[in-house]
Amino acid sequence: MKTLLRPAFTLFVLLTALTGVLYPLLVTGIGKLAFADAAAGSLIYQDGKSVGSALIGQNFSAPQYFWGRPSATGPYPYNAAASSGSNQGPLNPALAQAVQVRVQALQAADPGNTLPVPADLVMASASGLDPHISPEAAAYQLARVARARGLGVEQLRALVAQHTEGRQWGLFGESRVHVLELNLALDALRR
């Protein structure tokens, strides 16, 4: 029996050290060297203070800010620890009701807006944490934000264009606007 337990225990300790200590340290070290910003959380700083992450959306609901995609991480929006989709299909009545409530909130915030509501303003992303909206979603909100801030729509349109990112590597995905960075640029206009 002893002849069986000793090699098994030795192998257990060796593999625990290798896969539980050495490998994680190696991967963490490579990540910190090769991708320092991402490994540190891709934090966005303003005046030396962290104001958010480039990877996680934030809940903006004041009329003077551009609003991001809804978060599916209830009850606390944009909670990275609860990242997941809602798993509600297109025929689910709960999803239809949630979308209708979101559409009504957008229309109540800007009653004169007759543009069609972009899907990304009423549908959460797969992770429920997406920090981006489409340029169309930003354009939908221009009049409301301009009115709330006392700015011209064309001035805001130019600001949105400055914060619109193209396809990743010119190939993948669609153009997108980072909501936190855009709202920080809006706040910087007041300084």
C-alpha atoms as a PDB file:
ATOM      1  CA  MET A   1       0.000   0.000   0.000  1.00  0.00           C
ATOM      2  CA  LYS A   2       2.841   2.342   0.924  1.00  0.00           C
ATOM      3  CA  THR A   3       4.410   1.760  -2.473  1.00  0.00           C
ATOM      4  CA  LEU A   4       1.258   3.060  -4.151  1.00  0.00           C
ATOM      5  CA  LEU A   5       0.608   6.049  -1.905  1.00  0.00           C
ATOM      6  CA  ARG A   6       4.066   7.605  -2.021  1.00  0.00           C
ATOM      7  CA  PRO A   7       4.242   8.059  -5.845  1.00  0.00           C
ATOM      8  CA  ALA A   8       0.635   9.250  -5.919  1.00  0.00           C
ATOM      9  CA  PHE A   9       1.270  11.821  -3.193  1.00  0.00           C
ATOM     10  CA  THR A  10       4.530  12.950  -4.839  1.00  0.00           C
ATOM     11  CA  LEU A  11       2.783  13.375  -8.180  1.00  0.00           C
ATOM     12  CA  PHE A  12      -0.081  15.248  -6.487  1.00  0.00           C
ATOM     13  CA  VAL A  13       2.333  17.727  -4.827  1.00  0.00           C
ATOM     14  CA  LEU A  14       4.347  18.156  -8.031  1.00  0.00           C
ATOM     15  CA  LEU A  15       1.297  18.795 -10.232  1.00  0.00           C
ATOM     16  CA  THR A  16      -0.231  21.133  -7.626  1.00  0.00           C
ATOM     17  CA  ALA A  17       2.947  23.214  -7.600  1.00  0.00           C
ATOM     18  CA  LEU A  18       3.199  23.158 -11.380  1.00  0.00           C
ATOM     19  CA  THR A  19      -0.426  23.888 -12.300  1.00  0.00           C
ATOM     20  CA  GLY A  20      -1.498  25.755  -9.177  1.00  0.00           C
ATOM     21  CA  VAL A  21       1.519  27.992  -8.610  1.00  0.00           C
ATOM     22  CA  LEU A  22       4.103  28.072 -11.410  1.00  0.00           C
ATOM     23  CA  TYR A  23       1.737  28.171 -14.404  1.00  0.00           C
ATOM     24  CA  PRO A  24      -0.488  30.978 -12.992  1.00  0.00           C
ATOM     25  CA  LEU A  25       2.620  33.017 -12.086  1.00  0.00           C
ATOM     26  CA  LEU A  26       4.038  32.535 -15.589  1.00  0.00           C
ATOM     27  CA  VAL A  27       0.792  33.508 -17.338  1.00  0.00           C
ATOM     28  CA  THR A  28       0.312  36.523 -15.040  1.00  0.00           C
ATOM     29  CA  GLY A  29       3.891  37.658 -15.665  1.00  0.00           C
ATOM     30  CA  ILE A  30       3.537  37.345 -19.434  1.00  0.00           C
ATOM     31  CA  GLY A  31       0.221  39.202 -19.291  1.00  0.00           C
ATOM     32  CA  LYS A  32       1.708  42.052 -17.283  1.00  0.00           C
ATOM     33  CA  LEU A  33       4.670  42.348 -19.637  1.00  0.00           C
ATOM     34  CA  ALA A  34       2.893  41.936 -22.979  1.00  0.00           C
ATOM     35  CA  PHE A  35      -0.474  43.509 -22.139  1.00  0.00           C
ATOM     36  CA  ALA A  36       0.209  45.817 -19.190  1.00  0.00           C
ATOM     37  CA  ASP A  37      -2.888  48.012 -19.655  1.00  0.00           C
ATOM     38  CA  ALA A  38      -5.331  45.123 -20.046  1.00  0.00           C
ATOM     39  CA  ALA A  39      -3.767  43.169 -17.183  1.00  0.00           C
ATOM     40  CA  ALA A  40      -4.305  46.199 -14.931  1.00  0.00           C
ATOM     41  CA  GLY A  41      -7.998  46.431 -15.822  1.00  0.00           C
ATOM     42  CA  SER A  42      -7.789  48.943 -18.716  1.00  0.00           C
ATOM     43  CA  LEU A  43      -8.566  51.741 -16.270  1.00  0.00           C
ATOM     44  CA  ILE A  44      -9.442  55.245 -17.428  1.00  0.00           C
ATOM     45  CA  TYR A  45      -8.006  58.060 -15.316  1.00  0.00           C
ATOM     46  CA  GLN A  46      -9.068  61.673 -14.954  1.00  0.00           C
ATOM     47  CA  ASP A  47      -7.066  64.079 -12.799  1.00  0.00           C
ATOM     48  CA  GLY A  48      -5.044  61.153 -11.454  1.00  0.00           C
ATOM     49  CA  LYS A  49      -8.150  59.310 -10.255  1.00  0.00           C
ATOM     50  CA  SER A  50      -9.613  56.137 -11.742  1.00  0.00           C
ATOM     51  CA  VAL A  51     -13.083  56.880 -13.149  1.00  0.00           C
ATOM     52  CA  GLY A  52     -13.850  53.578 -14.816  1.00  0.00           C
ATOM     53  CA  SER A  53     -12.623  50.849 -17.110  1.00  0.00           C
ATOM     54  CA  ALA A  54     -12.425  50.880 -20.885  1.00  0.00           C
ATOM     55  CA  LEU A  55     -13.926  47.376 -20.810  1.00  0.00           C
ATOM     56  CA  ILE A  56     -16.958  47.841 -18.557  1.00  0.00           C
ATOM     57  CA  GLY A  57     -19.886  50.177 -19.196  1.00  0.00           C
ATOM     58  CA  GLN A  58     -21.287  52.559 -16.617  1.00  0.00           C
ATOM     59  CA  ASN A  59     -24.815  53.550 -15.762  1.00  0.00           C
ATOM     60  CA  PHE A  60     -25.502  57.055 -17.095  1.00  0.00           C
ATOM     61  CA  SER A  61     -29.091  58.224 -16.706  1.00  0.00           C
ATOM     62  CA  ALA A  62     -28.873  62.030 -16.406  1.00  0.00           C
ATOM     63  CA  PRO A  63     -30.139  63.861 -19.506  1.00  0.00           C
ATOM     64  CA  GLN A  64     -26.854  65.720 -20.020  1.00  0.00           C
ATOM     65  CA  TYR A  65     -24.984  62.472 -20.684  1.00  0.00           C
ATOM     66  CA  PHE A  66     -25.039  59.932 -23.472  1.00  0.00           C
ATOM     67  CA  TRP A  67     -26.573  56.692 -22.243  1.00  0.00           C
ATOM     68  CA  GLY A  68     -25.012  53.307 -22.882  1.00  0.00           C
ATOM     69  CA  ARG A  69     -26.488  49.921 -23.558  1.00  0.00           C
ATOM     70  CA  PRO A  70     -28.733  48.501 -20.863  1.00  0.00           C
ATOM     71  CA  SER A  71     -27.018  46.150 -18.458  1.00  0.00           C
ATOM     72  CA  ALA A  72     -28.247  42.614 -17.931  1.00  0.00           C
ATOM     73  CA  THR A  73     -26.458  42.336 -14.582  1.00  0.00           C
ATOM     74  CA  GLY A  74     -29.371  43.216 -12.319  1.00  0.00           C
ATOM     75  CA  PRO A  75     -30.145  44.234  -9.709  1.00  0.00           C
ATOM     76  CA  TYR A  76     -26.936  46.328  -9.845  1.00  0.00           C
ATOM     77  CA  PRO A  77     -26.195  47.559 -13.376  1.00  0.00           C
ATOM     78  CA  TYR A  78     -22.744  46.949 -14.881  1.00  0.00           C
ATOM     79  CA  ASN A  79     -21.707  44.628 -12.065  1.00  0.00           C
ATOM     80  CA  ALA A  80     -18.702  42.777 -13.527  1.00  0.00           C
ATOM     81  CA  ALA A  81     -19.051  40.013 -10.935  1.00  0.00           C
ATOM     82  CA  ALA A  82     -22.481  39.159 -12.367  1.00  0.00           C
ATOM     83  CA  SER A  83     -21.573  39.302 -16.061  1.00  0.00           C
ATOM     84  CA  SER A  84     -23.978  37.283 -18.169  1.00  0.00           C
ATOM     85  CA  GLY A  85     -26.724  37.635 -20.690  1.00  0.00           C
ATOM     86  CA  SER A  86     -30.360  37.421 -19.756  1.00  0.00           C
ATOM     87  CA  ASN A  87     -30.892  34.213 -21.757  1.00  0.00           C
ATOM     88  CA  GLN A  88     -34.272  35.556 -22.821  1.00  0.00           C
ATOM     89  CA  GLY A  89     -35.170  34.692 -26.398  1.00  0.00           C
ATOM     90  CA  PRO A  90     -36.898  37.033 -28.842  1.00  0.00           C
ATOM     91  CA  LEU A  91     -40.314  35.511 -28.115  1.00  0.00           C
ATOM     92  CA  ASN A  92     -40.000  35.787 -24.348  1.00  0.00           C
ATOM     93  CA  PRO A  93     -42.687  38.149 -22.992  1.00  0.00           C
ATOM     94  CA  ALA A  94     -40.336  39.391 -20.238  1.00  0.00           C
ATOM     95  CA  LEU A  95     -37.799  40.533 -22.844  1.00  0.00           C
ATOM     96  CA  ALA A  96     -40.507  42.208 -24.933  1.00  0.00           C
ATOM     97  CA  GLN A  97     -41.782  44.018 -21.841  1.00  0.00           C
ATOM     98  CA  ALA A  98     -38.261  45.122 -20.800  1.00  0.00           C
ATOM     99  CA  VAL A  99     -37.585  46.475 -24.293  1.00  0.00           C
ATOM    100  CA  GLN A 100     -40.906  48.327 -24.309  1.00  0.00           C
ATOM    101  CA  VAL A 101     -40.123  49.930 -20.929  1.00  0.00           C
ATOM    102  CA  ARG A 102     -36.713  51.025 -22.241  1.00  0.00           C
ATOM    103  CA  VAL A 103     -38.221  52.477 -25.422  1.00  0.00           C
ATOM    104  CA  GLN A 104     -40.779  54.412 -23.362  1.00  0.00           C
ATOM    105  CA  ALA A 105     -38.007  55.768 -21.083  1.00  0.00           C
ATOM    106  CA  LEU A 106     -36.025  56.974 -24.105  1.00  0.00           C
ATOM    107  CA  GLN A 107     -39.107  58.600 -25.629  1.00  0.00           C
ATOM    108  CA  ALA A 108     -40.038  60.245 -22.316  1.00  0.00           C
ATOM    109  CA  ALA A 109     -36.517  61.673 -21.991  1.00  0.00           C
ATOM    110  CA  ASP A 110     -36.763  63.253 -25.471  1.00  0.00           C
ATOM    111  CA  PRO A 111     -40.437  63.494 -26.525  1.00  0.00           C
ATOM    112  CA  GLY A 112     -39.687  65.426 -29.731  1.00  0.00           C
ATOM    113  CA  ASN A 113     -37.333  62.772 -31.079  1.00  0.00           C
ATOM    114  CA  THR A 114     -39.007  60.951 -33.979  1.00  0.00           C
ATOM    115  CA  LEU A 115     -35.987  58.878 -35.011  1.00  0.00           C
ATOM    116  CA  PRO A 116     -36.305  55.106 -34.692  1.00  0.00           C
ATOM    117  CA  VAL A 117     -34.785  53.867 -31.435  1.00  0.00           C
ATOM    118  CA  PRO A 118     -31.551  51.954 -32.154  1.00  0.00           C
ATOM    119  CA  ALA A 119     -31.576  48.372 -30.916  1.00  0.00           C
ATOM    120  CA  ASP A 120     -28.426  48.789 -28.839  1.00  0.00           C
ATOM    121  CA  LEU A 121     -30.169  51.356 -26.612  1.00  0.00           C
ATOM    122  CA  VAL A 122     -32.853  48.861 -25.604  1.00  0.00           C
ATOM    123  CA  MET A 123     -31.092  45.474 -25.783  1.00  0.00           C
ATOM    124  CA  ALA A 124     -28.287  44.393 -23.434  1.00  0.00           C
ATOM    125  CA  SER A 125     -25.132  42.873 -24.859  1.00  0.00           C
ATOM    126  CA  ALA A 126     -24.212  39.241 -24.248  1.00  0.00           C
ATOM    127  CA  SER A 127     -22.061  40.151 -21.248  1.00  0.00           C
ATOM    128  CA  GLY A 128     -24.364  42.898 -19.994  1.00  0.00           C
ATOM    129  CA  LEU A 129     -21.276  45.097 -19.576  1.00  0.00           C
ATOM    130  CA  ASP A 130     -20.647  46.579 -23.034  1.00  0.00           C
ATOM    131  CA  PRO A 131     -19.129  50.095 -22.764  1.00  0.00           C
ATOM    132  CA  HIS A 132     -19.891  50.976 -26.404  1.00  0.00           C
ATOM    133  CA  ILE A 133     -22.888  52.125 -28.400  1.00  0.00           C
ATOM    134  CA  SER A 134     -23.284  52.444 -32.137  1.00  0.00           C
ATOM    135  CA  PRO A 135     -22.821  55.817 -33.846  1.00  0.00           C
ATOM    136  CA  GLU A 136     -26.566  55.635 -34.599  1.00  0.00           C
ATOM    137  CA  ALA A 137     -27.351  55.302 -30.890  1.00  0.00           C
ATOM    138  CA  ALA A 138     -25.183  58.352 -30.182  1.00  0.00           C
ATOM    139  CA  ALA A 139     -26.906  60.283 -33.005  1.00  0.00           C
ATOM    140  CA  TYR A 140     -30.296  59.373 -31.533  1.00  0.00           C
ATOM    141  CA  GLN A 141     -29.304  61.096 -28.271  1.00  0.00           C
ATOM    142  CA  LEU A 142     -27.707  64.245 -29.758  1.00  0.00           C
ATOM    143  CA  ALA A 143     -30.720  66.561 -29.403  1.00  0.00           C
ATOM    144  CA  ARG A 144     -31.390  65.592 -25.773  1.00  0.00           C
ATOM    145  CA  VAL A 145     -27.778  66.021 -24.679  1.00  0.00           C
ATOM    146  CA  ALA A 146     -27.384  69.293 -26.633  1.00  0.00           C
ATOM    147  CA  ARG A 147     -30.505  70.722 -25.011  1.00  0.00           C
ATOM    148  CA  ALA A 148     -29.485  69.631 -21.497  1.00  0.00           C
ATOM    149  CA  ARG A 149     -25.993  71.108 -21.881  1.00  0.00           C
ATOM    150  CA  GLY A 150     -26.902  74.196 -23.907  1.00  0.00           C
ATOM    151  CA  LEU A 151     -24.619  73.127 -26.756  1.00  0.00           C
ATOM    152  CA  GLY A 152     -25.151  72.977 -30.509  1.00  0.00           C
ATOM    153  CA  VAL A 153     -26.083  69.663 -32.086  1.00  0.00           C
ATOM    154  CA  GLU A 154     -23.307  70.045 -34.679  1.00  0.00           C
ATOM    155  CA  GLN A 155     -20.733  70.625 -31.938  1.00  0.00           C
ATOM    156  CA  LEU A 156     -21.842  67.400 -30.270  1.00  0.00           C
ATOM    157  CA  ARG A 157     -21.917  65.553 -33.599  1.00  0.00           C
ATOM    158  CA  ALA A 158     -18.244  66.515 -34.106  1.00  0.00           C
ATOM    159  CA  LEU A 159     -17.406  65.324 -30.582  1.00  0.00           C
ATOM    160  CA  VAL A 160     -19.126  61.996 -31.248  1.00  0.00           C
ATOM    161  CA  ALA A 161     -17.157  61.660 -34.501  1.00  0.00           C
ATOM    162  CA  GLN A 162     -13.899  62.251 -32.584  1.00  0.00           C
ATOM    163  CA  HIS A 163     -14.799  59.424 -30.185  1.00  0.00           C
ATOM    164  CA  THR A 164     -16.019  56.959 -32.805  1.00  0.00           C
ATOM    165  CA  GLU A 165     -13.738  53.955 -33.139  1.00  0.00           C
ATOM    166  CA  GLY A 166     -13.584  52.042 -36.428  1.00  0.00           C
ATOM    167  CA  ARG A 167     -13.668  48.306 -36.918  1.00  0.00           C
ATOM    168  CA  GLN A 168     -11.088  46.369 -34.956  1.00  0.00           C
ATOM    169  CA  TRP A 169      -7.987  46.066 -37.158  1.00  0.00           C
ATOM    170  CA  GLY A 170     -10.148  47.489 -39.952  1.00  0.00           C
ATOM    171  CA  LEU A 171     -11.929  44.140 -40.356  1.00  0.00           C
ATOM    172  CA  PHE A 172     -13.917  42.959 -37.359  1.00  0.00           C
ATOM    173  CA  GLY A 173     -17.064  44.335 -35.778  1.00  0.00           C
ATOM    174  CA  GLU A 174     -18.723  47.651 -36.443  1.00  0.00           C
ATOM    175  CA  SER A 175     -17.913  51.265 -35.700  1.00  0.00           C
ATOM    176  CA  ARG A 176     -18.593  52.096 -32.071  1.00  0.00           C
ATOM    177  CA  VAL A 177     -18.563  54.949 -29.577  1.00  0.00           C
ATOM    178  CA  HIS A 178     -17.097  54.499 -26.093  1.00  0.00           C
ATOM    179  CA  VAL A 179     -19.734  56.070 -23.813  1.00  0.00           C
ATOM    180  CA  LEU A 180     -17.539  56.830 -20.788  1.00  0.00           C
ATOM    181  CA  GLU A 181     -14.828  58.489 -22.879  1.00  0.00           C
ATOM    182  CA  LEU A 182     -17.447  60.548 -24.741  1.00  0.00           C
ATOM    183  CA  ASN A 183     -19.078  61.678 -21.495  1.00  0.00           C
ATOM    184  CA  LEU A 184     -15.700  62.581 -20.015  1.00  0.00           C
ATOM    185  CA  ALA A 185     -14.997  64.691 -23.112  1.00  0.00           C
ATOM    186  CA  LEU A 186     -18.396  66.361 -22.617  1.00  0.00           C
ATOM    187  CA  ASP A 187     -17.511  67.226 -19.030  1.00  0.00           C
ATOM    188  CA  ALA A 188     -14.134  68.587 -20.181  1.00  0.00           C
ATOM    189  CA  LEU A 189     -15.978  71.123 -22.376  1.00  0.00           C
ATOM    190  CA  ARG A 190     -17.242  72.810 -19.181  1.00  0.00           C
ATOM    191  CA  ARG A 191     -13.762  73.286 -17.730  1.00  0.00           C
END
